[in-house]
Amino acid sequence: RTMATKLRRNRTTSKPETKAKMAKDVVQEHEESYEEESAEGETTEAESSEEGVDEELVLSERNDGEVTEEEDAEANATDEEGEKDAGDEWLDGTDLGAVQHRIQETVRVLCRFREMRKPGMSRKDYMDRLKRDLTTYYGYNEFLLDELLSLFNVAEAVELMEAFEKPRPVVLRTNTLKTRRRELAATLIQRGINLDPLSKWSKVGLVVYESKVPVGATPEYLAGHYMLQSASSFLPVIALAPQEKEQIVDMAAAPGGKTTYLSSLMKNTGVVFANEINPKRIKSLSANIQRMGVQNTVVCNYDGRELPKAIGEKSMDRVLLDAPCSGTGVISKDASVKVSKSQLEIYQRAHLQKQLLLAAIDCVNANSKSGGFVVYSTCSILVEENEAVVNYALRKRNVKLVPAGLEFGQPGLTRYREHRFHPSVQHTRRFYPHVHNMDGFFVAKFKKTSNQIPQATEDEVEEDTGMEQRAPLDLGESMEGMNNHANIPSTNGLHPQTATEDEGEAGDGDINPDSAPKKRKREKGWVKAAKLEAQQELAQAKKPKSGKVNVERHGTRPSKGKGKGNKGRGRK
């Protein structure tokens, strides 16, 4: 290629004899360099074959007498294409180093916007550029990116995304039914595992820094001396604070980390009902229970929403609900969350979580001497799945929020966007990977004050009835006809519907101003009719049963005679 380039540079020479002489000199120079490299032993067979091909190319060009213009243009195009490929990373914004630098500069400007912004650039322009760069660098979809930027300021949001890119520390929980933490640590150190106590807030946790052996295959693990468990999953059990000889329910128990922790704190006394709706996960749950030496646990397979009917209402002392969620707090373990979540799925999850939480509260006995507590937790950081669900339970049941008993963690949000929650929501606790170096988590602790269900107000009935009619009831329900977000109202008062979403488009996007009031009036009338029907059924159920038939209710009159006409009317 080098020799061909030299020939191209001298293609303007007029005499063919001169060109042939130049080609001969190039070949001779190449042969001399080849002999020197052979003497030093640095030329490989592949290089020799390539040089032989180049020599034949030069000789053929020397025999032809000149390099054609087409070949020269093709060579130049190849060089330009290579230069373009080298610069495409910067031009297309895929040079991650440049994108990261641009993100840092944009965040710095937004933090000191008045002093550092460029003339003619608005905050919206900077935010749009930041969102494009964050999508390119971290890979979040538009919905989840907007949620994070609305929940945190730009600097903290970027810090959180960076923390999600790093794995969390490996943590072990000592099984106090079989050993002590000091003895377990000494044994594992002898096996080549470098570890330390987790923190002051945990008396059974060990954090592993490095290991020469698989941590999940040691003799101590197989003997049930410890459990591989994330630090964040310790928190709901610590908040529940189970006591000995109590009856406790773990509504979503698999794979058994929290269930076995409950049993160890109860010292194998009382009863723990470990419920799991997925039959495939019951195998791992049962295996861990047996391996850890737990003897006070009953494994059951029920839908959590039907659990009060199965085990009895007002029969438990405490209930732990680690609800299924979107997983936005464990992105470091499952990166697919970045692109797989949508507003529709969050609505579905929130609706299911509310049903499960109400069922958990119904299982608890408010008159329990030592209990009456419910702990609700998720591995999500979204308000729709946390504070909004807790606020819903405060309205629907006679419960109150109490301090979770955790010495660290950030308080729950009482204000989010234009929404306001009950002041006691600040007793809940939030945990973030960039602050606490653990998975994103949320914990709330309820105290049931009465076994009676409060009477819902008219506004609450109207809102909840509309939600029940239009929102999906189960995650497995078919979503046909529900792709339009206008058909799915918010189950928690967040993101209220606009007139355009409620009424749809008319013509070229014009909205009929008379349509919205009519729809609201129609919905109120339907709700009142439903309430009236429910009251009538309740009144009918309370009436004492008798042998007489209320003929007026069935639309017929009692027959006095025995004539054909009377019989006919009675049958009719």
Protein backbone atom coordinates (compact mmCIF):
# COMPACT_ATOMS: atom_id res chain seq x y z
CA ARG A 1 0.00 0.00 0.00
CA THR A 2 2.90 2.36 0.79
CA MET A 3 4.56 1.71 -2.57
CA ALA A 4 1.28 2.25 -4.41
CA THR A 5 0.90 5.57 -2.62
CA LYS A 6 4.36 6.68 -3.75
CA LEU A 7 3.50 5.78 -7.30
CA ARG A 8 0.23 7.73 -7.11
CA ARG A 9 2.04 10.83 -5.96
CA ASN A 10 4.14 10.77 -9.13
CA ARG A 11 1.38 9.84 -11.56
CA THR A 12 1.71 13.22 -13.33
CA THR A 13 5.07 12.23 -14.83
CA SER A 14 4.75 12.39 -18.60
CA LYS A 15 7.27 9.74 -19.72
CA PRO A 16 6.48 6.01 -19.14
CA GLU A 17 10.22 5.24 -18.96
CA THR A 18 10.57 7.58 -15.97
CA LYS A 19 7.64 5.89 -14.21
CA ALA A 20 9.16 2.48 -14.80
CA LYS A 21 12.47 3.67 -13.38
CA MET A 22 10.73 5.03 -10.27
CA ALA A 23 8.87 1.77 -9.77
CA LYS A 24 12.12 -0.14 -10.10
CA ASP A 25 13.73 2.05 -7.44
CA VAL A 26 10.79 1.48 -5.08
CA VAL A 27 11.04 -2.27 -5.53
CA GLN A 28 14.77 -2.20 -4.94
CA GLU A 29 14.31 -0.16 -1.78
CA HIS A 30 11.69 -2.62 -0.58
CA GLU A 31 13.97 -5.60 -1.25
CA GLU A 32 16.76 -4.02 0.77
CA SER A 33 14.49 -3.41 3.74
CA TYR A 34 13.23 -6.98 3.45
CA GLU A 35 16.77 -8.37 3.63
CA GLU A 36 17.52 -6.29 6.74
CA GLU A 37 14.37 -7.49 8.51
CA SER A 38 15.14 -11.09 7.60
CA ALA A 39 18.59 -10.76 9.08
CA GLU A 40 17.16 -9.45 12.33
CA GLY A 41 14.51 -12.22 12.43
CA GLU A 42 11.56 -9.86 12.86
CA THR A 43 9.62 -10.57 9.66
CA THR A 44 6.84 -13.17 9.91
CA GLU A 45 5.54 -15.43 7.19
CA ALA A 46 2.34 -13.43 6.92
CA GLU A 47 4.29 -10.20 6.40
CA SER A 48 6.45 -11.87 3.76
CA SER A 49 3.37 -13.05 1.87
CA GLU A 50 1.88 -9.55 2.04
CA GLU A 51 5.10 -8.03 0.79
CA GLY A 52 5.18 -10.54 -2.05
CA VAL A 53 1.69 -9.49 -3.03
CA ASP A 54 2.73 -5.82 -2.87
CA GLU A 55 5.76 -6.58 -5.05
CA GLU A 56 3.59 -8.24 -7.65
CA LEU A 57 1.24 -5.28 -7.53
CA VAL A 58 4.09 -2.84 -8.16
CA LEU A 59 5.52 -4.96 -10.95
CA SER A 60 2.15 -5.19 -12.62
CA GLU A 61 1.77 -1.42 -12.34
CA ARG A 62 5.28 -1.02 -13.78
CA ASN A 63 4.38 -3.26 -16.71
CA ASP A 64 1.21 -1.29 -17.33
CA GLY A 65 3.21 1.88 -17.31
CA GLU A 66 0.84 4.06 -15.17
CA VAL A 67 -1.81 4.11 -12.43
CA THR A 68 -5.33 4.76 -13.74
CA GLU A 69 -7.47 7.60 -12.43
CA GLU A 70 -10.22 5.14 -11.35
CA GLU A 71 -7.83 3.26 -9.06
CA ASP A 72 -6.57 6.50 -7.59
CA ALA A 73 -10.12 7.74 -6.88
CA GLU A 74 -11.01 4.42 -5.23
CA ALA A 75 -7.96 4.57 -2.97
CA ASN A 76 -8.75 8.14 -1.94
CA ALA A 77 -12.38 7.18 -1.18
CA THR A 78 -11.16 4.32 1.02
CA ASP A 79 -8.90 6.69 2.98
CA GLU A 80 -11.72 9.19 3.48
CA GLU A 81 -14.08 6.43 4.64
CA GLY A 82 -11.56 5.30 7.24
CA GLU A 83 -11.20 8.84 8.54
CA LYS A 84 -15.01 9.16 8.72
CA ASP A 85 -15.32 5.89 10.68
CA ALA A 86 -12.76 7.14 13.17
CA GLY A 87 -14.75 10.33 13.79
CA ASP A 88 -18.24 8.86 13.78
CA GLU A 89 -18.10 8.15 17.51
CA TRP A 90 -17.77 11.83 18.32
CA LEU A 91 -20.17 13.05 15.64
CA ASP A 92 -22.93 10.61 16.64
CA GLY A 93 -22.46 11.19 20.39
CA THR A 94 -21.51 7.56 21.07
CA ASP A 95 -18.10 8.44 22.46
CA LEU A 96 -18.98 7.61 26.06
CA GLY A 97 -16.12 9.65 27.47
CA ALA A 98 -17.30 12.77 25.66
CA VAL A 99 -20.93 12.10 26.62
CA GLN A 100 -20.00 11.71 30.28
CA HIS A 101 -18.04 14.97 30.18
CA ARG A 102 -21.00 16.73 28.59
CA ILE A 103 -23.32 15.35 31.29
CA GLN A 104 -21.06 16.70 34.02
CA GLU A 105 -20.90 20.11 32.39
CA THR A 106 -24.67 20.27 31.93
CA VAL A 107 -25.27 19.29 35.56
CA ARG A 108 -22.81 21.94 36.69
CA VAL A 109 -24.62 24.60 34.67
CA LEU A 110 -28.05 23.52 35.92
CA CYS A 111 -26.89 23.66 39.54
CA ARG A 112 -25.75 27.27 39.03
CA PHE A 113 -28.04 28.21 36.21
CA ARG A 114 -28.20 31.98 36.64
CA GLU A 115 -24.45 32.38 36.77
CA MET A 116 -23.27 29.83 34.19
CA ARG A 117 -25.95 29.54 31.51
CA LYS A 118 -25.14 30.67 28.00
CA PRO A 119 -27.11 33.55 26.45
CA GLY A 120 -30.13 32.30 24.54
CA MET A 121 -30.14 28.91 26.29
CA SER A 122 -33.13 28.16 28.53
CA ARG A 123 -33.36 25.58 31.29
CA LYS A 124 -35.54 23.45 29.05
CA ASP A 125 -32.80 23.35 26.42
CA TYR A 126 -30.28 22.16 28.98
CA MET A 127 -32.70 19.56 30.36
CA ASP A 128 -33.47 18.20 26.89
CA ARG A 129 -29.76 17.84 26.15
CA LEU A 130 -29.19 16.21 29.55
CA LYS A 131 -31.98 13.68 28.94
CA ARG A 132 -30.54 12.73 25.55
CA ASP A 133 -27.08 12.25 27.02
CA LEU A 134 -28.40 10.24 30.00
CA THR A 135 -30.35 7.99 27.66
CA THR A 136 -27.23 7.43 25.56
CA TYR A 137 -24.88 6.87 28.49
CA TYR A 138 -27.05 4.89 30.94
CA GLY A 139 -29.75 3.42 28.66
CA TYR A 140 -32.95 4.45 30.51
CA ASN A 141 -36.23 4.82 28.69
CA GLU A 142 -38.06 8.13 28.67
CA PHE A 143 -40.63 7.21 31.34
CA LEU A 144 -38.18 6.01 33.99
CA LEU A 145 -35.79 8.88 33.27
CA ASP A 146 -38.57 11.43 33.85
CA GLU A 147 -39.55 9.67 37.09
CA LEU A 148 -36.00 9.84 38.47
CA LEU A 149 -35.52 13.47 37.46
CA SER A 150 -38.81 14.43 39.11
CA LEU A 151 -37.90 12.56 42.30
CA PHE A 152 -34.34 13.94 42.66
CA ASN A 153 -32.47 17.03 41.58
CA VAL A 154 -30.26 16.56 38.51
CA ALA A 155 -27.02 16.11 40.46
CA GLU A 156 -28.47 13.48 42.80
CA ALA A 157 -30.27 11.73 39.93
CA VAL A 158 -26.99 11.32 38.03
CA GLU A 159 -25.31 10.10 41.22
CA LEU A 160 -28.08 7.53 41.69
CA MET A 161 -27.77 6.28 38.11
CA GLU A 162 -24.03 5.93 38.55
CA ALA A 163 -24.56 3.92 41.75
CA PHE A 164 -26.93 1.58 39.89
CA GLU A 165 -24.06 0.72 37.52
CA LYS A 166 -22.03 -0.79 40.36
CA PRO A 167 -22.88 -4.07 42.13
CA ARG A 168 -23.84 -4.01 45.78
CA PRO A 169 -21.66 -5.78 48.37
CA VAL A 170 -22.22 -9.47 49.07
CA VAL A 171 -23.83 -9.86 52.49
CA LEU A 172 -24.33 -12.92 54.70
CA ARG A 173 -26.87 -13.29 57.51
CA THR A 174 -25.81 -15.47 60.40
CA ASN A 175 -28.34 -18.12 61.42
CA THR A 176 -28.48 -17.69 65.18
CA LEU A 177 -30.39 -20.98 65.51
CA LYS A 178 -27.15 -22.84 64.74
CA THR A 179 -24.17 -20.56 65.34
CA ARG A 180 -22.93 -17.13 66.39
CA ARG A 181 -21.59 -14.40 64.15
CA ARG A 182 -18.13 -14.37 65.77
CA GLU A 183 -17.69 -18.12 65.36
CA LEU A 184 -18.95 -18.04 61.77
CA ALA A 185 -16.63 -15.17 60.85
CA ALA A 186 -13.60 -16.99 62.27
CA THR A 187 -14.44 -20.15 60.34
CA LEU A 188 -14.97 -18.33 57.03
CA ILE A 189 -11.75 -16.33 57.43
CA GLN A 190 -9.84 -19.59 57.74
CA ARG A 191 -11.36 -20.67 54.41
CA GLY A 192 -9.94 -17.57 52.69
CA ILE A 193 -12.96 -15.27 52.82
CA ASN A 194 -12.23 -11.64 53.64
CA LEU A 195 -15.20 -10.18 55.56
CA ASP A 196 -16.24 -7.70 58.24
CA PRO A 197 -19.35 -7.06 60.36
CA LEU A 198 -22.05 -5.37 58.30
CA SER A 199 -22.88 -2.35 60.45
CA LYS A 200 -23.98 -1.28 63.89
CA TRP A 201 -27.67 -1.60 63.02
CA SER A 202 -27.32 -5.37 62.39
CA LYS A 203 -26.05 -7.96 64.84
CA VAL A 204 -26.09 -10.87 62.39
CA GLY A 205 -24.81 -9.40 59.11
CA LEU A 206 -21.39 -9.95 57.51
CA VAL A 207 -20.18 -8.16 54.38
CA VAL A 208 -17.82 -10.09 52.07
CA TYR A 209 -15.07 -8.20 50.23
CA GLU A 210 -13.34 -11.06 48.44
CA SER A 211 -13.29 -14.84 48.59
CA LYS A 212 -11.07 -17.62 47.31
CA VAL A 213 -13.94 -20.13 47.46
CA PRO A 214 -17.57 -19.94 46.32
CA VAL A 215 -19.50 -18.35 49.17
CA GLY A 216 -22.65 -20.31 48.31
CA ALA A 217 -20.98 -23.72 48.37
CA THR A 218 -19.04 -23.87 51.63
CA PRO A 219 -19.75 -26.59 54.22
CA GLU A 220 -21.09 -23.89 56.55
CA TYR A 221 -23.58 -22.74 53.93
CA LEU A 222 -24.78 -26.28 53.23
CA ALA A 223 -25.13 -26.84 56.98
CA GLY A 224 -27.39 -23.80 57.28
CA HIS A 225 -25.07 -21.58 59.32
CA TYR A 226 -25.72 -18.53 57.13
CA MET A 227 -27.93 -17.21 54.37
CA LEU A 228 -26.92 -15.20 51.33
CA GLN A 229 -29.18 -12.18 51.69
CA SER A 230 -29.03 -8.53 50.63
CA ALA A 231 -28.66 -5.97 53.38
CA SER A 232 -31.89 -4.21 52.41
CA SER A 233 -33.96 -7.36 53.04
CA PHE A 234 -32.90 -7.23 56.71
CA LEU A 235 -34.84 -4.00 57.18
CA PRO A 236 -38.51 -5.14 57.06
CA VAL A 237 -37.83 -7.96 59.54
CA ILE A 238 -36.08 -5.56 61.93
CA ALA A 239 -38.99 -3.14 61.58
CA LEU A 240 -41.57 -5.87 62.29
CA ALA A 241 -39.71 -6.87 65.50
CA PRO A 242 -41.36 -10.29 66.01
CA GLN A 243 -41.80 -11.61 69.52
CA GLU A 244 -41.69 -15.17 70.79
CA LYS A 245 -44.86 -17.31 70.70
CA GLU A 246 -46.63 -15.03 68.22
CA GLN A 247 -48.52 -15.92 65.05
CA ILE A 248 -46.98 -14.16 62.05
CA VAL A 249 -47.60 -14.21 58.31
CA ASP A 250 -45.05 -13.62 55.58
CA MET A 251 -47.33 -12.96 52.60
CA ALA A 252 -44.64 -13.19 49.89
CA ALA A 253 -42.08 -15.51 51.43
CA ALA A 254 -39.90 -16.95 48.63
CA PRO A 255 -36.99 -17.64 48.62
CA GLY A 256 -37.13 -17.66 52.42
CA GLY A 257 -34.57 -15.15 53.62
CA LYS A 258 -37.01 -13.05 55.64
CA THR A 259 -39.03 -16.07 56.78
CA THR A 260 -36.00 -17.79 58.28
CA TYR A 261 -34.91 -14.50 59.84
CA LEU A 262 -38.31 -14.22 61.54
CA SER A 263 -38.02 -17.76 62.90
CA SER A 264 -34.53 -17.14 64.24
CA LEU A 265 -35.70 -13.99 66.07
CA MET A 266 -38.63 -15.97 67.49
CA LYS A 267 -36.24 -18.80 68.51
CA ASN A 268 -38.38 -21.39 66.75
CA THR A 269 -41.41 -20.61 68.90
CA GLY A 270 -44.88 -19.57 67.83
CA VAL A 271 -46.02 -20.05 64.23
CA VAL A 272 -44.89 -18.43 60.98
CA PHE A 273 -47.09 -18.84 57.91
CA ALA A 274 -44.86 -18.60 54.84
CA ASN A 275 -47.16 -17.91 51.89
CA GLU A 276 -46.05 -17.95 48.24
CA ILE A 277 -48.37 -17.67 45.26
CA ASN A 278 -45.90 -19.16 42.75
CA PRO A 279 -45.76 -22.97 43.09
CA LYS A 280 -42.36 -23.12 41.36
CA ARG A 281 -40.76 -20.96 44.05
CA ILE A 282 -42.10 -23.06 46.91
CA LYS A 283 -39.34 -25.61 46.29
CA SER A 284 -36.59 -23.12 47.03
CA LEU A 285 -38.58 -21.77 49.99
CA SER A 286 -38.99 -25.22 51.54
CA ALA A 287 -35.35 -26.12 50.87
CA ASN A 288 -34.04 -23.01 52.66
CA ILE A 289 -36.39 -23.56 55.60
CA GLN A 290 -35.12 -27.09 56.08
CA ARG A 291 -31.47 -26.13 55.55
CA MET A 292 -31.66 -23.37 58.16
CA GLY A 293 -33.19 -25.67 60.79
CA VAL A 294 -36.53 -23.82 61.04
CA GLN A 295 -39.25 -25.82 62.82
CA ASN A 296 -42.10 -23.36 63.45
CA THR A 297 -43.04 -22.51 59.84
CA VAL A 298 -46.03 -23.62 57.77
CA VAL A 299 -45.62 -23.23 54.00
CA CYS A 300 -48.80 -22.42 52.08
CA ASN A 301 -49.70 -21.57 48.50
CA TYR A 302 -52.46 -18.93 48.31
CA ASP A 303 -53.16 -15.72 46.47
CA GLY A 304 -52.27 -13.07 49.03
CA ARG A 305 -55.51 -11.21 48.37
CA GLU A 306 -57.48 -14.29 49.50
CA LEU A 307 -55.30 -15.00 52.51
CA PRO A 308 -57.73 -13.56 55.12
CA LYS A 309 -60.35 -16.08 54.03
CA ALA A 310 -57.83 -18.94 54.15
CA ILE A 311 -56.24 -18.37 57.57
CA GLY A 312 -58.98 -16.25 59.13
CA GLU A 313 -59.49 -12.55 59.57
CA LYS A 314 -58.19 -10.85 62.72
CA SER A 315 -56.25 -13.99 63.65
CA MET A 316 -52.60 -12.89 63.37
CA ASP A 317 -50.37 -10.84 65.65
CA ARG A 318 -48.11 -9.42 62.92
CA VAL A 319 -47.91 -9.53 59.13
CA LEU A 320 -44.95 -8.89 56.85
CA LEU A 321 -45.71 -7.88 53.26
CA ASP A 322 -42.72 -7.51 50.98
CA ALA A 323 -44.93 -6.69 48.01
CA PRO A 324 -44.12 -7.48 44.36
CA CYS A 325 -43.01 -4.26 42.69
CA SER A 326 -41.36 -2.79 39.61
CA GLY A 327 -37.83 -3.39 40.93
CA THR A 328 -36.62 0.16 40.29
CA GLY A 329 -34.46 -0.09 43.40
CA VAL A 330 -32.48 -3.14 42.23
CA ILE A 331 -31.41 -2.00 38.77
CA SER A 332 -27.85 -3.05 39.62
CA LYS A 333 -29.11 -6.67 39.69
CA ASP A 334 -31.50 -6.44 36.73
CA ALA A 335 -30.54 -3.89 34.09
CA SER A 336 -33.62 -4.72 31.98
CA VAL A 337 -35.68 -2.55 34.35
CA LYS A 338 -34.20 0.49 32.60
CA VAL A 339 -36.17 -0.11 29.42
CA SER A 340 -38.98 -2.51 30.36
CA LYS A 341 -41.07 -0.37 32.73
CA SER A 342 -43.93 1.92 31.71
CA GLN A 343 -46.61 4.01 33.37
CA LEU A 344 -49.17 1.32 32.61
CA GLU A 345 -47.22 -1.35 34.48
CA ILE A 346 -46.70 0.96 37.46
CA TYR A 347 -50.48 1.46 37.68
CA GLN A 348 -50.98 -2.30 37.64
CA ARG A 349 -48.39 -2.87 40.35
CA ALA A 350 -49.79 -0.13 42.55
CA HIS A 351 -53.33 -1.55 42.28
CA LEU A 352 -52.13 -5.04 43.25
CA GLN A 353 -50.08 -3.66 46.13
CA LYS A 354 -53.11 -1.86 47.55
CA GLN A 355 -55.16 -5.04 47.46
CA LEU A 356 -52.40 -7.02 49.17
CA LEU A 357 -51.89 -4.36 51.85
CA LEU A 358 -55.59 -4.25 52.71
CA ALA A 359 -55.61 -8.05 52.94
CA ALA A 360 -52.57 -7.95 55.25
CA ILE A 361 -54.30 -5.44 57.53
CA ASP A 362 -57.44 -7.58 57.64
CA CYS A 363 -55.40 -10.57 58.84
CA VAL A 364 -54.12 -8.70 61.89
CA ASN A 365 -55.97 -8.56 65.18
CA ALA A 366 -56.05 -5.03 66.58
CA ASN A 367 -56.66 -6.42 70.09
CA SER A 368 -53.49 -8.51 70.12
CA LYS A 369 -51.63 -8.08 73.41
CA SER A 370 -48.17 -7.96 71.84
CA GLY A 371 -48.81 -7.29 68.18
CA GLY A 372 -51.26 -5.66 65.82
CA PHE A 373 -48.50 -4.51 63.45
CA VAL A 374 -48.13 -4.68 59.68
CA VAL A 375 -44.91 -3.92 57.80
CA TYR A 376 -45.12 -2.98 54.13
CA SER A 377 -41.95 -2.91 52.04
CA THR A 378 -40.91 -2.77 48.38
CA CYS A 379 -37.67 -2.76 46.41
CA SER A 380 -38.92 0.26 44.46
CA ILE A 381 -38.13 3.96 44.80
CA LEU A 382 -41.20 5.27 42.94
CA VAL A 383 -43.76 7.24 44.93
CA GLU A 384 -46.67 5.53 43.16
CA GLU A 385 -45.69 2.20 44.73
CA ASN A 386 -44.69 3.50 48.15
CA GLU A 387 -46.15 6.64 49.75
CA ALA A 388 -49.26 6.60 47.54
CA VAL A 389 -50.07 3.00 48.56
CA VAL A 390 -49.47 3.77 52.23
CA ASN A 391 -51.68 6.86 52.04
CA TYR A 392 -54.43 4.74 50.44
CA ALA A 393 -54.32 2.25 53.34
CA LEU A 394 -54.61 5.07 55.87
CA ARG A 395 -57.91 6.08 54.27
CA LYS A 396 -59.33 2.57 53.90
CA ARG A 397 -58.55 0.99 57.27
CA ASN A 398 -58.29 2.02 60.91
CA VAL A 399 -54.49 2.05 61.01
CA LYS A 400 -51.80 4.56 61.80
CA LEU A 401 -48.16 4.82 60.83
CA VAL A 402 -45.60 4.39 63.60
CA PRO A 403 -41.79 4.73 63.59
CA ALA A 404 -40.19 1.75 61.89
CA GLY A 405 -37.47 1.39 64.52
CA LEU A 406 -34.67 1.91 61.97
CA GLU A 407 -31.93 4.29 63.05
CA PHE A 408 -31.00 5.36 59.54
CA GLY A 409 -32.70 5.99 56.22
CA GLN A 410 -34.41 9.04 54.77
CA PRO A 411 -38.00 9.88 55.81
CA GLY A 412 -40.86 9.28 53.41
CA LEU A 413 -42.19 12.04 51.18
CA THR A 414 -45.23 13.99 52.32
CA ARG A 415 -45.15 16.21 49.22
CA TYR A 416 -44.54 15.03 45.68
CA ARG A 417 -45.19 17.26 42.69
CA GLU A 418 -48.65 18.76 43.25
CA HIS A 419 -49.77 15.98 45.64
CA ARG A 420 -49.90 15.95 49.43
CA PHE A 421 -49.90 12.90 51.69
CA HIS A 422 -50.76 12.39 55.34
CA PRO A 423 -48.17 13.99 57.66
CA SER A 424 -47.48 10.65 59.36
CA VAL A 425 -46.02 9.31 56.10
CA GLN A 426 -42.74 10.84 57.25
CA HIS A 427 -42.42 7.85 59.64
CA THR A 428 -41.71 5.62 56.64
CA ARG A 429 -38.12 5.09 55.53
CA ARG A 430 -36.42 5.28 52.14
CA PHE A 431 -33.02 3.76 51.28
CA TYR A 432 -30.88 4.56 48.24
CA PRO A 433 -27.76 2.91 46.80
CA HIS A 434 -25.85 6.18 46.43
CA VAL A 435 -26.51 7.12 50.06
CA HIS A 436 -26.59 3.86 52.03
CA ASN A 437 -24.69 1.52 49.66
CA MET A 438 -27.59 -0.94 49.51
CA ASP A 439 -30.45 -1.65 47.14
CA GLY A 440 -33.18 0.95 46.83
CA PHE A 441 -35.84 0.08 49.40
CA PHE A 442 -38.94 1.40 51.16
CA VAL A 443 -40.28 0.36 54.59
CA ALA A 444 -43.50 1.40 56.36
CA LYS A 445 -44.88 0.13 59.67
CA PHE A 446 -48.60 0.24 60.56
CA LYS A 447 -50.35 -0.20 63.90
CA LYS A 448 -53.94 -1.39 63.61
CA THR A 449 -56.17 0.59 65.95
CA SER A 450 -59.54 -1.08 65.31
CA ASN A 451 -60.91 -4.19 63.65
CA GLN A 452 -63.82 -2.25 62.16
CA ILE A 453 -63.61 -1.05 58.57
CA PRO A 454 -64.29 2.70 58.32
CA GLN A 455 -67.20 3.92 56.20
CA ALA A 456 -66.02 5.46 52.97
CA THR A 457 -67.12 8.97 52.08
CA GLU A 458 -69.02 9.75 48.87
CA ASP A 459 -65.95 11.19 47.16
CA GLU A 460 -63.84 8.15 48.03
CA VAL A 461 -66.54 5.76 46.81
CA GLU A 462 -66.80 7.64 43.54
CA GLU A 463 -63.04 7.63 42.98
CA ASP A 464 -62.47 4.01 44.02
CA THR A 465 -65.49 2.65 42.13
CA GLY A 466 -64.32 4.24 38.91
CA MET A 467 -60.85 2.83 39.50
CA GLU A 468 -62.17 -0.67 40.11
CA GLN A 469 -64.19 -0.58 36.89
CA ARG A 470 -61.42 0.63 34.63
CA ALA A 471 -58.10 -0.47 36.16
CA PRO A 472 -56.81 -4.03 35.58
CA LEU A 473 -57.42 -6.34 38.51
CA ASP A 474 -54.47 -8.65 38.02
CA LEU A 475 -51.05 -8.55 36.45
CA GLY A 476 -51.95 -11.55 34.31
CA GLU A 477 -55.14 -9.97 32.98
CA SER A 478 -55.32 -9.36 29.26
CA MET A 479 -54.44 -5.81 28.36
CA GLU A 480 -56.38 -5.67 25.10
CA GLY A 481 -58.07 -2.36 24.64
CA MET A 482 -56.05 -0.80 27.49
CA ASN A 483 -53.08 0.50 25.56
CA ASN A 484 -54.51 4.01 25.72
CA HIS A 485 -53.50 5.53 29.04
CA ALA A 486 -56.67 7.60 29.04
CA ASN A 487 -58.64 4.44 29.89
CA ILE A 488 -56.56 3.75 32.98
CA PRO A 489 -57.03 6.30 35.76
CA SER A 490 -54.53 6.80 38.53
CA THR A 491 -55.27 4.52 41.48
CA ASN A 492 -53.68 6.90 43.94
CA GLY A 493 -54.61 10.38 42.84
CA LEU A 494 -51.34 10.90 40.96
CA HIS A 495 -51.21 12.10 37.39
CA PRO A 496 -54.83 13.29 37.06
CA GLN A 497 -56.42 12.88 33.65
CA THR A 498 -56.58 15.88 31.35
CA ALA A 499 -59.60 16.80 29.29
CA THR A 500 -57.89 15.63 26.13
CA GLU A 501 -57.18 12.18 27.60
CA ASP A 502 -60.70 11.80 29.00
CA GLU A 503 -62.66 12.89 25.99
CA GLY A 504 -60.38 11.89 23.13
CA GLU A 505 -59.89 13.78 19.90
CA ALA A 506 -62.71 15.31 17.93
CA GLY A 507 -62.10 16.09 14.29
CA ASP A 508 -58.67 17.62 13.92
CA GLY A 509 -57.97 17.60 17.64
CA ASP A 510 -60.72 20.00 18.71
CA ILE A 511 -62.44 19.12 21.98
CA ASN A 512 -66.14 19.54 22.54
CA PRO A 513 -66.38 21.77 25.65
CA ASP A 514 -69.78 20.35 26.55
CA SER A 515 -68.61 16.73 26.62
CA ALA A 516 -66.59 16.83 29.87
CA PRO A 517 -69.38 18.08 32.19
CA LYS A 518 -71.80 15.55 30.72
CA LYS A 519 -69.40 12.70 31.38
CA ARG A 520 -68.80 13.75 34.98
CA LYS A 521 -72.55 14.03 35.56
CA ARG A 522 -73.12 10.60 34.03
CA GLU A 523 -70.47 9.02 36.25
CA LYS A 524 -71.94 10.55 39.41
CA GLY A 525 -75.40 9.23 38.56
CA TRP A 526 -74.01 5.75 37.96
CA VAL A 527 -72.14 5.79 41.26
CA LYS A 528 -75.26 6.87 43.16
CA ALA A 529 -77.26 4.08 41.54
CA ALA A 530 -74.62 1.54 42.55
CA LYS A 531 -74.61 2.81 46.12
CA LEU A 532 -78.40 2.69 46.30
CA GLU A 533 -78.46 -0.87 45.01
CA ALA A 534 -75.83 -1.94 47.53
CA GLN A 535 -77.81 -0.37 50.39
CA GLN A 536 -80.98 -2.15 49.30
CA GLU A 537 -79.19 -5.50 49.19
CA LEU A 538 -77.72 -4.87 52.63
CA ALA A 539 -81.13 -3.97 54.06
CA GLN A 540 -82.67 -7.07 52.49
CA ALA A 541 -79.97 -9.27 53.99
CA LYS A 542 -80.63 -7.89 57.47
CA LYS A 543 -84.38 -8.69 57.35
CA PRO A 544 -85.44 -11.89 59.22
CA LYS A 545 -86.31 -14.79 56.97
CA SER A 546 -89.99 -15.88 56.89
CA GLY A 547 -92.20 -18.21 54.91
CA LYS A 548 -94.14 -15.35 53.31
CA VAL A 549 -93.11 -14.09 49.95
CA ASN A 550 -92.90 -10.40 49.27
CA VAL A 551 -95.13 -10.45 46.22
CA GLU A 552 -94.66 -6.77 45.55
CA ARG A 553 -90.90 -7.29 45.17
CA HIS A 554 -91.45 -10.04 42.60
CA GLY A 555 -94.05 -7.96 40.69
CA THR A 556 -97.13 -10.24 41.25
CA ARG A 557 -100.30 -10.05 43.36
CA PRO A 558 -101.57 -12.72 45.78
CA SER A 559 -104.37 -14.84 44.31
CA LYS A 560 -107.54 -14.89 46.44
CA GLY A 561 -109.74 -17.20 44.40
CA LYS A 562 -109.30 -20.53 42.75
CA GLY A 563 -110.48 -19.48 39.33
CA LYS A 564 -108.51 -19.98 36.21
CA GLY A 565 -107.96 -16.27 35.84
CA ASN A 566 -106.44 -15.94 39.25
CA LYS A 567 -104.22 -18.96 38.75
CA GLY A 568 -103.13 -17.64 35.43
CA ARG A 569 -102.26 -14.26 36.90
CA GLY A 570 -100.37 -15.87 39.76
CA ARG A 571 -98.31 -18.04 37.43
CA LYS A 572 -97.68 -15.11 35.14
